[in-house]
Protein backbone atom coordinates (compact mmCIF):
# COMPACT_ATOMS: atom_id res chain seq x y z
CA UNK A 1 11.34 9.52 1.63
CA UNK A 2 10.42 12.43 3.86
CA UNK A 3 6.76 12.88 2.92
CA UNK A 4 4.07 10.71 4.43
CA UNK A 5 1.95 8.67 1.99
CA UNK A 6 -1.39 10.50 2.34
CA UNK A 7 -4.16 7.99 1.65
CA UNK A 8 -6.87 10.55 2.39
CA UNK A 9 -5.59 12.94 -0.31
CA UNK A 10 -5.85 10.22 -2.98
CA UNK A 11 -8.75 8.24 -1.49
CA UNK A 12 -10.94 8.95 -4.55
CA UNK A 13 -8.32 7.13 -6.69
CA UNK A 14 -8.30 3.98 -4.54
CA UNK A 15 -10.84 1.31 -3.65
CA UNK A 16 -10.94 0.09 -0.06
CA UNK A 17 -10.91 -3.71 -0.11
CA UNK A 18 -10.47 -4.42 3.61
CA UNK A 19 -10.29 -2.43 6.83
CA UNK A 20 -9.50 -4.02 10.19
CA UNK A 21 -8.83 -0.76 12.03
CA UNK A 22 -5.08 -1.24 12.38
CA UNK A 23 -4.66 -2.69 8.87
CA UNK A 24 -6.20 -1.57 5.55
CA UNK A 25 -5.94 -2.85 2.00
CA UNK A 26 -6.57 -0.57 -0.98
CA UNK A 27 -6.73 -1.33 -4.70
CA UNK A 28 -5.19 1.26 -7.04
CA UNK A 29 -7.90 2.35 -9.50
CA UNK A 30 -6.13 5.31 -11.12
CA UNK A 31 -2.41 4.58 -11.67
CA UNK A 32 -1.23 6.18 -8.41
CA UNK A 33 2.54 5.72 -8.20
CA UNK A 34 4.42 3.90 -5.47
CA UNK A 35 6.57 6.25 -3.36
CA UNK A 36 9.43 3.70 -3.32
CA UNK A 37 9.84 3.02 -7.06
CA UNK A 38 7.61 5.71 -8.62
CA UNK A 39 5.72 3.17 -10.74
CA UNK A 40 1.97 2.50 -10.47
CA UNK A 41 1.14 -0.14 -7.86
CA UNK A 42 -1.69 -2.72 -7.84
CA UNK A 43 -2.54 -2.69 -4.12
CA UNK A 44 -1.25 -1.15 -0.92
CA UNK A 45 -1.46 -2.80 2.49
CA UNK A 46 -1.13 -0.26 5.31
CA UNK A 47 -0.60 -1.58 8.83
CA UNK A 48 0.17 -0.10 12.22
CA UNK A 49 1.06 -3.54 13.58
CA UNK A 50 4.68 -4.49 14.24
CA UNK A 51 4.17 -7.85 12.49
CA UNK A 52 1.89 -8.81 9.64
CA UNK A 53 1.64 -11.92 7.50
CA UNK A 54 0.15 -11.96 4.03
CA UNK A 55 -0.18 -14.38 1.15
CA UNK A 56 0.58 -12.73 -2.18
CA UNK A 57 -1.23 -14.07 -5.20
CA UNK A 58 0.59 -15.17 -8.32
CA UNK A 59 3.95 -13.77 -9.27
CA UNK A 60 4.45 -10.21 -8.13
CA UNK A 61 7.07 -7.86 -6.82
CA UNK A 62 6.55 -5.52 -3.92
CA UNK A 63 7.97 -2.40 -2.29
CA UNK A 64 8.01 -1.61 1.43
CA UNK A 65 7.88 1.87 2.93
CA UNK A 66 8.37 2.33 6.67
CA UNK A 67 6.98 5.44 8.33
CA UNK A 68 7.21 6.32 12.02
CA UNK A 69 3.93 4.68 13.00
CA UNK A 70 3.08 2.33 10.13
CA UNK A 71 4.37 0.11 7.35
CA UNK A 72 3.13 0.24 3.76
CA UNK A 73 3.48 -2.70 1.39
CA UNK A 74 2.92 -1.90 -2.29
CA UNK A 75 2.34 -4.80 -4.68
CA UNK A 76 3.17 -4.61 -8.37
CA UNK A 77 1.87 -7.04 -10.97
CA UNK A 78 4.64 -8.72 -12.95
């Protein structure tokens, strides 16, 4: 992937659920596709931290995209 995932360009299609400055969580409200698998995702966690721990709910798969200054974790409902 060479293009950066531009949250601001699709912000109207997402719902911000949490923002801690260095980490944000968005819910996909409009079938935006994941840049890793090109399927719609449920949520995206975007973090600038080197480490991050999360507790997924239920049974889900996820995709990870690493950019120069941040990591994006896309969850997909099974």
